[in-house]
Amino acid sequence: IRILREYLQNHPDQLDPLRPGIQYMQELELLIAK
């Protein structure tokens, strides 16, 4: 939810849902590793 909300707020001109998805996987790996 944090990644999605910030992405929508910071990129109002974007239509590609893969970008926040990629960011989510990258940050989720760090969370899971912890």
PDB file of all heavy atoms in Angstrom:
ATOM      1  N   ILE A   1       0.831  -1.203   0.000  1.00  0.00           N
ATOM      2  CA  ILE A   1       0.000   0.000   0.000  1.00  0.00           C
ATOM      3  C   ILE A   1       0.864   1.250   0.000  1.00  0.00           C
ATOM      4  O   ILE A   1       0.555   2.237  -0.700  1.00  0.00           O
ATOM      5  CB  ILE A   1      -0.951   0.003   1.219  1.00  0.00           C
ATOM      6  CG1 ILE A   1      -1.970  -1.131   1.094  1.00  0.00           C
ATOM      7  CG2 ILE A   1      -1.671   1.344   1.335  1.00  0.00           C
ATOM      8  CD1 ILE A   1      -2.816  -1.078  -0.165  1.00  0.00           C
ATOM      9  N   ARG A   2       1.965   1.234   0.753  1.00  0.00           N
ATOM     10  CA  ARG A   2       2.856   2.403   0.757  1.00  0.00           C
ATOM     11  C   ARG A   2       3.458   2.636  -0.627  1.00  0.00           C
ATOM     12  O   ARG A   2       3.447   3.760  -1.155  1.00  0.00           O
ATOM     13  CB  ARG A   2       3.967   2.212   1.797  1.00  0.00           C
ATOM     14  CG  ARG A   2       4.827   3.464   1.985  1.00  0.00           C
ATOM     15  CD  ARG A   2       6.072   3.461   1.131  1.00  0.00           C
ATOM     16  NE  ARG A   2       7.002   2.448   1.579  1.00  0.00           N
ATOM     17  CZ  ARG A   2       8.077   2.097   0.898  1.00  0.00           C
ATOM     18  NH1 ARG A   2       8.328   2.653  -0.297  1.00  0.00           N
ATOM     19  NH2 ARG A   2       8.892   1.148   1.337  1.00  0.00           N
ATOM     20  N   ILE A   3       3.960   1.566  -1.253  1.00  0.00           N
ATOM     21  CA  ILE A   3       4.567   1.708  -2.575  1.00  0.00           C
ATOM     22  C   ILE A   3       3.533   2.171  -3.594  1.00  0.00           C
ATOM     23  O   ILE A   3       3.795   3.066  -4.402  1.00  0.00           O
ATOM     24  CB  ILE A   3       5.202   0.369  -3.009  1.00  0.00           C
ATOM     25  CG1 ILE A   3       6.464   0.106  -2.190  1.00  0.00           C
ATOM     26  CG2 ILE A   3       5.514   0.367  -4.510  1.00  0.00           C
ATOM     27  CD1 ILE A   3       7.067  -1.254  -2.404  1.00  0.00           C
ATOM     28  N   LEU A   4       2.350   1.591  -3.557  1.00  0.00           N
ATOM     29  CA  LEU A   4       1.318   1.946  -4.525  1.00  0.00           C
ATOM     30  C   LEU A   4       0.855   3.387  -4.343  1.00  0.00           C
ATOM     31  O   LEU A   4       0.730   4.142  -5.324  1.00  0.00           O
ATOM     32  CB  LEU A   4       0.132   0.991  -4.397  1.00  0.00           C
ATOM     33  CG  LEU A   4      -0.971   1.133  -5.439  1.00  0.00           C
ATOM     34  CD1 LEU A   4      -0.426   0.919  -6.841  1.00  0.00           C
ATOM     35  CD2 LEU A   4      -2.103   0.143  -5.154  1.00  0.00           C
ATOM     36  N   ARG A   5       0.617   3.802  -3.104  1.00  0.00           N
ATOM     37  CA  ARG A   5       0.164   5.173  -2.847  1.00  0.00           C
ATOM     38  C   ARG A   5       1.220   6.189  -3.269  1.00  0.00           C
ATOM     39  O   ARG A   5       0.902   7.191  -3.913  1.00  0.00           O
ATOM     40  CB  ARG A   5      -0.202   5.358  -1.380  1.00  0.00           C
ATOM     41  CG  ARG A   5      -1.577   4.811  -1.016  1.00  0.00           C
ATOM     42  CD  ARG A   5      -2.014   5.313   0.356  1.00  0.00           C
ATOM     43  NE  ARG A   5      -3.388   4.924   0.645  1.00  0.00           N
ATOM     44  CZ  ARG A   5      -4.458   5.596   0.231  1.00  0.00           C
ATOM     45  NH1 ARG A   5      -4.297   6.700  -0.490  1.00  0.00           N
ATOM     46  NH2 ARG A   5      -5.679   5.184   0.541  1.00  0.00           N
ATOM     47  N   GLU A   6       2.468   5.937  -2.923  1.00  0.00           N
ATOM     48  CA  GLU A   6       3.519   6.881  -3.294  1.00  0.00           C
ATOM     49  C   GLU A   6       3.716   6.923  -4.805  1.00  0.00           C
ATOM     50  O   GLU A   6       3.947   8.000  -5.376  1.00  0.00           O
ATOM     51  CB  GLU A   6       4.828   6.495  -2.603  1.00  0.00           C
ATOM     52  CG  GLU A   6       4.822   6.776  -1.096  1.00  0.00           C
ATOM     53  CD  GLU A   6       6.156   6.502  -0.441  1.00  0.00           C
ATOM     54  OE1 GLU A   6       7.006   5.806  -1.054  1.00  0.00           O
ATOM     55  OE2 GLU A   6       6.377   6.985   0.686  1.00  0.00           O
ATOM     56  N   TYR A   7       3.611   5.764  -5.449  1.00  0.00           N
ATOM     57  CA  TYR A   7       3.780   5.736  -6.898  1.00  0.00           C
ATOM     58  C   TYR A   7       2.678   6.539  -7.581  1.00  0.00           C
ATOM     59  O   TYR A   7       2.951   7.350  -8.478  1.00  0.00           O
ATOM     60  CB  TYR A   7       3.765   4.298  -7.410  1.00  0.00           C
ATOM     61  CG  TYR A   7       3.910   4.207  -8.912  1.00  0.00           C
ATOM     62  CD1 TYR A   7       5.169   4.298  -9.513  1.00  0.00           C
ATOM     63  CD2 TYR A   7       2.798   4.070  -9.734  1.00  0.00           C
ATOM     64  CE1 TYR A   7       5.307   4.245 -10.894  1.00  0.00           C
ATOM     65  CE2 TYR A   7       2.932   4.014 -11.107  1.00  0.00           C
ATOM     66  CZ  TYR A   7       4.189   4.101 -11.683  1.00  0.00           C
ATOM     67  OH  TYR A   7       4.318   4.066 -13.049  1.00  0.00           O
ATOM     68  N   LEU A   8       1.448   6.334  -7.175  1.00  0.00           N
ATOM     69  CA  LEU A   8       0.334   7.063  -7.779  1.00  0.00           C
ATOM     70  C   LEU A   8       0.437   8.562  -7.516  1.00  0.00           C
ATOM     71  O   LEU A   8       0.096   9.380  -8.375  1.00  0.00           O
ATOM     72  CB  LEU A   8      -0.987   6.526  -7.238  1.00  0.00           C
ATOM     73  CG  LEU A   8      -1.337   5.087  -7.626  1.00  0.00           C
ATOM     74  CD1 LEU A   8      -2.604   4.638  -6.920  1.00  0.00           C
ATOM     75  CD2 LEU A   8      -1.500   4.950  -9.139  1.00  0.00           C
ATOM     76  N   GLN A   9       0.906   8.904  -6.340  1.00  0.00           N
ATOM     77  CA  GLN A   9       1.057  10.321  -5.997  1.00  0.00           C
ATOM     78  C   GLN A   9       2.198  10.967  -6.781  1.00  0.00           C
ATOM     79  O   GLN A   9       2.075  12.104  -7.256  1.00  0.00           O
ATOM     80  CB  GLN A   9       1.302  10.457  -4.497  1.00  0.00           C
ATOM     81  CG  GLN A   9       1.379  11.906  -4.016  1.00  0.00           C
ATOM     82  CD  GLN A   9       1.644  11.988  -2.524  1.00  0.00           C
ATOM     83  OE1 GLN A   9       2.668  11.531  -2.034  1.00  0.00           O
ATOM     84  NE2 GLN A   9       0.692  12.563  -1.789  1.00  0.00           N
ATOM     85  N   ASN A  10       3.307  10.242  -6.929  1.00  0.00           N
ATOM     86  CA  ASN A  10       4.505  10.820  -7.544  1.00  0.00           C
ATOM     87  C   ASN A  10       4.540  10.678  -9.062  1.00  0.00           C
ATOM     88  O   ASN A  10       5.336  11.346  -9.725  1.00  0.00           O
ATOM     89  CB  ASN A  10       5.759  10.165  -6.961  1.00  0.00           C
ATOM     90  CG  ASN A  10       5.899  10.429  -5.473  1.00  0.00           C
ATOM     91  OD1 ASN A  10       5.446  11.455  -4.963  1.00  0.00           O
ATOM     92  ND2 ASN A  10       6.528   9.507  -4.751  1.00  0.00           N
ATOM     93  N   HIS A  11       3.683   9.805  -9.617  1.00  0.00           N
ATOM     94  CA  HIS A  11       3.683   9.589 -11.062  1.00  0.00           C
ATOM     95  C   HIS A  11       2.251   9.625 -11.603  1.00  0.00           C
ATOM     96  O   HIS A  11       1.747   8.624 -12.142  1.00  0.00           O
ATOM     97  CB  HIS A  11       4.343   8.252 -11.413  1.00  0.00           C
ATOM     98  CG  HIS A  11       5.740   8.099 -10.904  1.00  0.00           C
ATOM     99  ND1 HIS A  11       6.017   7.584  -9.645  1.00  0.00           N
ATOM    100  CD2 HIS A  11       6.936   8.401 -11.468  1.00  0.00           C
ATOM    101  CE1 HIS A  11       7.317   7.562  -9.473  1.00  0.00           C
ATOM    102  NE2 HIS A  11       7.907   8.054 -10.559  1.00  0.00           N
ATOM    103  N   PRO A  12       1.597  10.746 -11.502  1.00  0.00           N
ATOM    104  CA  PRO A  12       0.196  10.830 -11.940  1.00  0.00           C
ATOM    105  C   PRO A  12       0.017  10.651 -13.445  1.00  0.00           C
ATOM    106  O   PRO A  12      -1.104  10.397 -13.904  1.00  0.00           O
ATOM    107  CB  PRO A  12      -0.237  12.225 -11.497  1.00  0.00           C
ATOM    108  CG  PRO A  12       1.040  13.010 -11.431  1.00  0.00           C
ATOM    109  CD  PRO A  12       2.077  12.048 -10.979  1.00  0.00           C
ATOM    110  N   ASP A  13       1.121  10.744 -14.214  1.00  0.00           N
ATOM    111  CA  ASP A  13       1.035  10.623 -15.661  1.00  0.00           C
ATOM    112  C   ASP A  13       1.297   9.201 -16.151  1.00  0.00           C
ATOM    113  O   ASP A  13       1.226   8.925 -17.351  1.00  0.00           O
ATOM    114  CB  ASP A  13       2.038  11.567 -16.324  1.00  0.00           C
ATOM    115  CG  ASP A  13       3.479  11.279 -15.900  1.00  0.00           C
ATOM    116  OD1 ASP A  13       3.669  10.822 -14.753  1.00  0.00           O
ATOM    117  OD2 ASP A  13       4.395  11.502 -16.711  1.00  0.00           O
ATOM    118  N   GLN A  14       1.599   8.263 -15.221  1.00  0.00           N
ATOM    119  CA  GLN A  14       1.982   6.916 -15.626  1.00  0.00           C
ATOM    120  C   GLN A  14       0.780   5.978 -15.665  1.00  0.00           C
ATOM    121  O   GLN A  14      -0.153   6.091 -14.867  1.00  0.00           O
ATOM    122  CB  GLN A  14       3.032   6.362 -14.650  1.00  0.00           C
ATOM    123  CG  GLN A  14       4.381   7.063 -14.729  1.00  0.00           C
ATOM    124  CD  GLN A  14       5.078   6.847 -16.064  1.00  0.00           C
ATOM    125  OE1 GLN A  14       5.016   5.754 -16.642  1.00  0.00           O
ATOM    126  NE2 GLN A  14       5.748   7.878 -16.558  1.00  0.00           N
ATOM    127  N   LEU A  15       0.828   5.022 -16.589  1.00  0.00           N
ATOM    128  CA  LEU A  15      -0.236   4.031 -16.729  1.00  0.00           C
ATOM    129  C   LEU A  15       0.280   2.597 -16.576  1.00  0.00           C
ATOM    130  O   LEU A  15      -0.483   1.647 -16.712  1.00  0.00           O
ATOM    131  CB  LEU A  15      -0.903   4.166 -18.107  1.00  0.00           C
ATOM    132  CG  LEU A  15      -1.677   5.457 -18.373  1.00  0.00           C
ATOM    133  CD1 LEU A  15      -2.129   5.496 -19.823  1.00  0.00           C
ATOM    134  CD2 LEU A  15      -2.886   5.546 -17.449  1.00  0.00           C
ATOM    135  N   ASP A  16       1.565   2.444 -16.288  1.00  0.00           N
ATOM    136  CA  ASP A  16       2.176   1.122 -16.259  1.00  0.00           C
ATOM    137  C   ASP A  16       2.143   0.534 -14.842  1.00  0.00           C
ATOM    138  O   ASP A  16       2.888   0.966 -13.974  1.00  0.00           O
ATOM    139  CB  ASP A  16       3.628   1.222 -16.749  1.00  0.00           C
ATOM    140  CG  ASP A  16       4.281  -0.140 -16.887  1.00  0.00           C
ATOM    141  OD1 ASP A  16       3.617  -1.150 -16.580  1.00  0.00           O
ATOM    142  OD2 ASP A  16       5.450  -0.190 -17.292  1.00  0.00           O
ATOM    143  N   PRO A  17       1.296  -0.474 -14.587  1.00  0.00           N
ATOM    144  CA  PRO A  17       1.221  -1.062 -13.246  1.00  0.00           C
ATOM    145  C   PRO A  17       2.422  -1.945 -12.909  1.00  0.00           C
ATOM    146  O   PRO A  17       2.594  -2.329 -11.749  1.00  0.00           O
ATOM    147  CB  PRO A  17      -0.061  -1.900 -13.305  1.00  0.00           C
ATOM    148  CG  PRO A  17      -0.182  -2.285 -14.733  1.00  0.00           C
ATOM    149  CD  PRO A  17       0.337  -1.116 -15.509  1.00  0.00           C
ATOM    150  N   LEU A  18       3.244  -2.260 -13.918  1.00  0.00           N
ATOM    151  CA  LEU A  18       4.402  -3.109 -13.652  1.00  0.00           C
ATOM    152  C   LEU A  18       5.468  -2.385 -12.843  1.00  0.00           C
ATOM    153  O   LEU A  18       6.222  -3.012 -12.096  1.00  0.00           O
ATOM    154  CB  LEU A  18       5.006  -3.609 -14.969  1.00  0.00           C
ATOM    155  CG  LEU A  18       4.096  -4.464 -15.860  1.00  0.00           C
ATOM    156  CD1 LEU A  18       4.880  -4.960 -17.066  1.00  0.00           C
ATOM    157  CD2 LEU A  18       3.515  -5.629 -15.080  1.00  0.00           C
ATOM    158  N   ARG A  19       5.548  -1.068 -12.985  1.00  0.00           N
ATOM    159  CA  ARG A  19       6.594  -0.324 -12.276  1.00  0.00           C
ATOM    160  C   ARG A  19       6.467  -0.424 -10.764  1.00  0.00           C
ATOM    161  O   ARG A  19       7.443  -0.753 -10.085  1.00  0.00           O
ATOM    162  CB  ARG A  19       6.611   1.131 -12.747  1.00  0.00           C
ATOM    163  CG  ARG A  19       7.048   1.288 -14.199  1.00  0.00           C
ATOM    164  CD  ARG A  19       7.273   2.738 -14.567  1.00  0.00           C
ATOM    165  NE  ARG A  19       7.661   2.888 -15.957  1.00  0.00           N
ATOM    166  CZ  ARG A  19       8.026   4.035 -16.513  1.00  0.00           C
ATOM    167  NH1 ARG A  19       8.033   5.148 -15.794  1.00  0.00           N
ATOM    168  NH2 ARG A  19       8.364   4.080 -17.791  1.00  0.00           N
ATOM    169  N   PRO A  20       5.298  -0.130 -10.182  1.00  0.00           N
ATOM    170  CA  PRO A  20       5.193  -0.324  -8.731  1.00  0.00           C
ATOM    171  C   PRO A  20       5.313  -1.798  -8.356  1.00  0.00           C
ATOM    172  O   PRO A  20       5.798  -2.117  -7.253  1.00  0.00           O
ATOM    173  CB  PRO A  20       3.812   0.234  -8.395  1.00  0.00           C
ATOM    174  CG  PRO A  20       3.051   0.225  -9.670  1.00  0.00           C
ATOM    175  CD  PRO A  20       4.060   0.454 -10.739  1.00  0.00           C
ATOM    176  N   GLY A  21       4.907  -2.706  -9.242  1.00  0.00           N
ATOM    177  CA  GLY A  21       5.042  -4.133  -8.960  1.00  0.00           C
ATOM    178  C   GLY A  21       6.491  -4.554  -8.845  1.00  0.00           C
ATOM    179  O   GLY A  21       6.861  -5.321  -7.951  1.00  0.00           O
ATOM    180  N   ILE A  22       7.328  -4.037  -9.738  1.00  0.00           N
ATOM    181  CA  ILE A  22       8.766  -4.336  -9.692  1.00  0.00           C
ATOM    182  C   ILE A  22       9.383  -3.782  -8.418  1.00  0.00           C
ATOM    183  O   ILE A  22      10.168  -4.451  -7.741  1.00  0.00           O
ATOM    184  CB  ILE A  22       9.468  -3.772 -10.944  1.00  0.00           C
ATOM    185  CG1 ILE A  22       9.022  -4.541 -12.187  1.00  0.00           C
ATOM    186  CG2 ILE A  22      10.988  -3.836 -10.795  1.00  0.00           C
ATOM    187  CD1 ILE A  22       9.467  -3.913 -13.488  1.00  0.00           C
ATOM    188  N   GLN A  23       9.022  -2.555  -8.085  1.00  0.00           N
ATOM    189  CA  GLN A  23       9.541  -1.951  -6.860  1.00  0.00           C
ATOM    190  C   GLN A  23       9.108  -2.752  -5.635  1.00  0.00           C
ATOM    191  O   GLN A  23       9.896  -2.965  -4.703  1.00  0.00           O
ATOM    192  CB  GLN A  23       9.048  -0.503  -6.725  1.00  0.00           C
ATOM    193  CG  GLN A  23       9.586   0.193  -5.466  1.00  0.00           C
ATOM    194  CD  GLN A  23       9.014   1.594  -5.290  1.00  0.00           C
ATOM    195  OE1 GLN A  23       8.420   2.158  -6.217  1.00  0.00           O
ATOM    196  NE2 GLN A  23       9.175   2.157  -4.109  1.00  0.00           N
ATOM    197  N   TYR A  24       7.866  -3.215  -5.662  1.00  0.00           N
ATOM    198  CA  TYR A  24       7.355  -3.997  -4.533  1.00  0.00           C
ATOM    199  C   TYR A  24       8.165  -5.278  -4.356  1.00  0.00           C
ATOM    200  O   TYR A  24       8.565  -5.621  -3.229  1.00  0.00           O
ATOM    201  CB  TYR A  24       5.888  -4.330  -4.771  1.00  0.00           C
ATOM    202  CG  TYR A  24       5.238  -5.120  -3.653  1.00  0.00           C
ATOM    203  CD1 TYR A  24       5.370  -4.750  -2.319  1.00  0.00           C
ATOM    204  CD2 TYR A  24       4.468  -6.249  -3.948  1.00  0.00           C
ATOM    205  CE1 TYR A  24       4.760  -5.473  -1.303  1.00  0.00           C
ATOM    206  CE2 TYR A  24       3.845  -6.975  -2.936  1.00  0.00           C
ATOM    207  CZ  TYR A  24       3.995  -6.584  -1.624  1.00  0.00           C
ATOM    208  OH  TYR A  24       3.384  -7.305  -0.613  1.00  0.00           O
ATOM    209  N   MET A  25       8.439  -5.990  -5.426  1.00  0.00           N
ATOM    210  CA  MET A  25       9.208  -7.228  -5.313  1.00  0.00           C
ATOM    211  C   MET A  25      10.607  -6.950  -4.766  1.00  0.00           C
ATOM    212  O   MET A  25      11.119  -7.708  -3.932  1.00  0.00           O
ATOM    213  CB  MET A  25       9.290  -7.929  -6.669  1.00  0.00           C
ATOM    214  CG  MET A  25       7.985  -8.588  -7.091  1.00  0.00           C
ATOM    215  SD  MET A  25       8.127  -9.635  -8.572  1.00  0.00           S
ATOM    216  CE  MET A  25       8.258  -8.387  -9.849  1.00  0.00           C
ATOM    217  N   GLN A  26      11.222  -5.863  -5.219  1.00  0.00           N
ATOM    218  CA  GLN A  26      12.570  -5.539  -4.752  1.00  0.00           C
ATOM    219  C   GLN A  26      12.580  -5.219  -3.259  1.00  0.00           C
ATOM    220  O   GLN A  26      13.428  -5.726  -2.504  1.00  0.00           O
ATOM    221  CB  GLN A  26      13.123  -4.351  -5.554  1.00  0.00           C
ATOM    222  CG  GLN A  26      13.385  -4.670  -7.018  1.00  0.00           C
ATOM    223  CD  GLN A  26      13.709  -3.442  -7.843  1.00  0.00           C
ATOM    224  OE1 GLN A  26      13.412  -2.306  -7.452  1.00  0.00           O
ATOM    225  NE2 GLN A  26      14.315  -3.639  -9.000  1.00  0.00           N
ATOM    226  N   GLU A  27      11.635  -4.404  -2.824  1.00  0.00           N
ATOM    227  CA  GLU A  27      11.606  -4.032  -1.412  1.00  0.00           C
ATOM    228  C   GLU A  27      11.088  -5.171  -0.541  1.00  0.00           C
ATOM    229  O   GLU A  27      11.488  -5.303   0.621  1.00  0.00           O
ATOM    230  CB  GLU A  27      10.758  -2.779  -1.218  1.00  0.00           C
ATOM    231  CG  GLU A  27      11.355  -1.537  -1.861  1.00  0.00           C
ATOM    232  CD  GLU A  27      10.776  -0.248  -1.307  1.00  0.00           C
ATOM    233  OE1 GLU A  27      10.476  -0.195  -0.087  1.00  0.00           O
ATOM    234  OE2 GLU A  27      10.621   0.708  -2.102  1.00  0.00           O
ATOM    235  N   LEU A  28      10.211  -6.004  -1.095  1.00  0.00           N
ATOM    236  CA  LEU A  28       9.693  -7.131  -0.337  1.00  0.00           C
ATOM    237  C   LEU A  28      10.788  -8.157  -0.064  1.00  0.00           C
ATOM    238  O   LEU A  28      10.812  -8.782   1.009  1.00  0.00           O
ATOM    239  CB  LEU A  28       8.532  -7.783  -1.088  1.00  0.00           C
ATOM    240  CG  LEU A  28       7.793  -8.910  -0.355  1.00  0.00           C
ATOM    241  CD1 LEU A  28       7.317  -8.458   1.020  1.00  0.00           C
ATOM    242  CD2 LEU A  28       6.616  -9.402  -1.192  1.00  0.00           C
ATOM    243  N   GLU A  29      11.703  -8.323  -1.001  1.00  0.00           N
ATOM    244  CA  GLU A  29      12.829  -9.226  -0.760  1.00  0.00           C
ATOM    245  C   GLU A  29      13.628  -8.766   0.459  1.00  0.00           C
ATOM    246  O   GLU A  29      14.053  -9.591   1.275  1.00  0.00           O
ATOM    247  CB  GLU A  29      13.730  -9.309  -1.990  1.00  0.00           C
ATOM    248  CG  GLU A  29      13.143 -10.136  -3.125  1.00  0.00           C
ATOM    249  CD  GLU A  29      14.195 -10.587  -4.123  1.00  0.00           C
ATOM    250  OE1 GLU A  29      15.404 -10.474  -3.812  1.00  0.00           O
ATOM    251  OE2 GLU A  29      13.822 -11.072  -5.196  1.00  0.00           O
ATOM    252  N   LEU A  30      13.826  -7.467   0.594  1.00  0.00           N
ATOM    253  CA  LEU A  30      14.557  -6.945   1.746  1.00  0.00           C
ATOM    254  C   LEU A  30      13.783  -7.181   3.037  1.00  0.00           C
ATOM    255  O   LEU A  30      14.363  -7.543   4.073  1.00  0.00           O
ATOM    256  CB  LEU A  30      14.828  -5.447   1.558  1.00  0.00           C
ATOM    257  CG  LEU A  30      15.682  -5.056   0.350  1.00  0.00           C
ATOM    258  CD1 LEU A  30      15.790  -3.532   0.257  1.00  0.00           C
ATOM    259  CD2 LEU A  30      17.066  -5.687   0.449  1.00  0.00           C
ATOM    260  N   LEU A  31      12.474  -6.972   2.986  1.00  0.00           N
ATOM    261  CA  LEU A  31      11.635  -7.186   4.164  1.00  0.00           C
ATOM    262  C   LEU A  31      11.665  -8.654   4.590  1.00  0.00           C
ATOM    263  O   LEU A  31      11.835  -8.971   5.780  1.00  0.00           O
ATOM    264  CB  LEU A  31      10.198  -6.760   3.867  1.00  0.00           C
ATOM    265  CG  LEU A  31       9.141  -7.094   4.932  1.00  0.00           C
ATOM    266  CD1 LEU A  31       9.438  -6.344   6.220  1.00  0.00           C
ATOM    267  CD2 LEU A  31       7.744  -6.761   4.430  1.00  0.00           C
ATOM    268  N   ILE A  32      11.513  -9.558   3.620  1.00  0.00           N
ATOM    269  CA  ILE A  32      11.510 -10.979   3.929  1.00  0.00           C
ATOM    270  C   ILE A  32      12.867 -11.428   4.468  1.00  0.00           C
ATOM    271  O   ILE A  32      12.945 -12.219   5.411  1.00  0.00           O
ATOM    272  CB  ILE A  32      11.108 -11.794   2.686  1.00  0.00           C
ATOM    273  CG1 ILE A  32       9.638 -11.530   2.338  1.00  0.00           C
ATOM    274  CG2 ILE A  32      11.337 -13.297   2.911  1.00  0.00           C
ATOM    275  CD1 ILE A  32       9.206 -12.116   1.006  1.00  0.00           C
ATOM    276  N   ALA A  33      13.934 -10.913   3.875  1.00  0.00           N
ATOM    277  CA  ALA A  33      15.281 -11.268   4.347  1.00  0.00           C
ATOM    278  C   ALA A  33      15.469 -10.873   5.808  1.00  0.00           C
ATOM    279  O   ALA A  33      16.062 -11.623   6.598  1.00  0.00           O
ATOM    280  CB  ALA A  33      16.340 -10.578   3.476  1.00  0.00           C
ATOM    281  N   LYS A  34      14.938  -9.723   6.179  1.00  0.00           N
ATOM    282  CA  LYS A  34      15.037  -9.280   7.570  1.00  0.00           C
ATOM    283  C   LYS A  34      14.245 -10.209   8.483  1.00  0.00           C
ATOM    284  O   LYS A  34      14.705 -10.559   9.580  1.00  0.00           O
ATOM    285  CB  LYS A  34      14.518  -7.846   7.697  1.00  0.00           C
ATOM    286  CG  LYS A  34      14.649  -7.273   9.109  1.00  0.00           C
ATOM    287  CD  LYS A  34      14.178  -5.832   9.173  1.00  0.00           C
ATOM    288  CE  LYS A  34      14.314  -5.284  10.595  1.00  0.00           C
ATOM    289  NZ  LYS A  34      13.855  -3.869  10.688  1.00  0.00           N
TER     290      LYS A  34
END
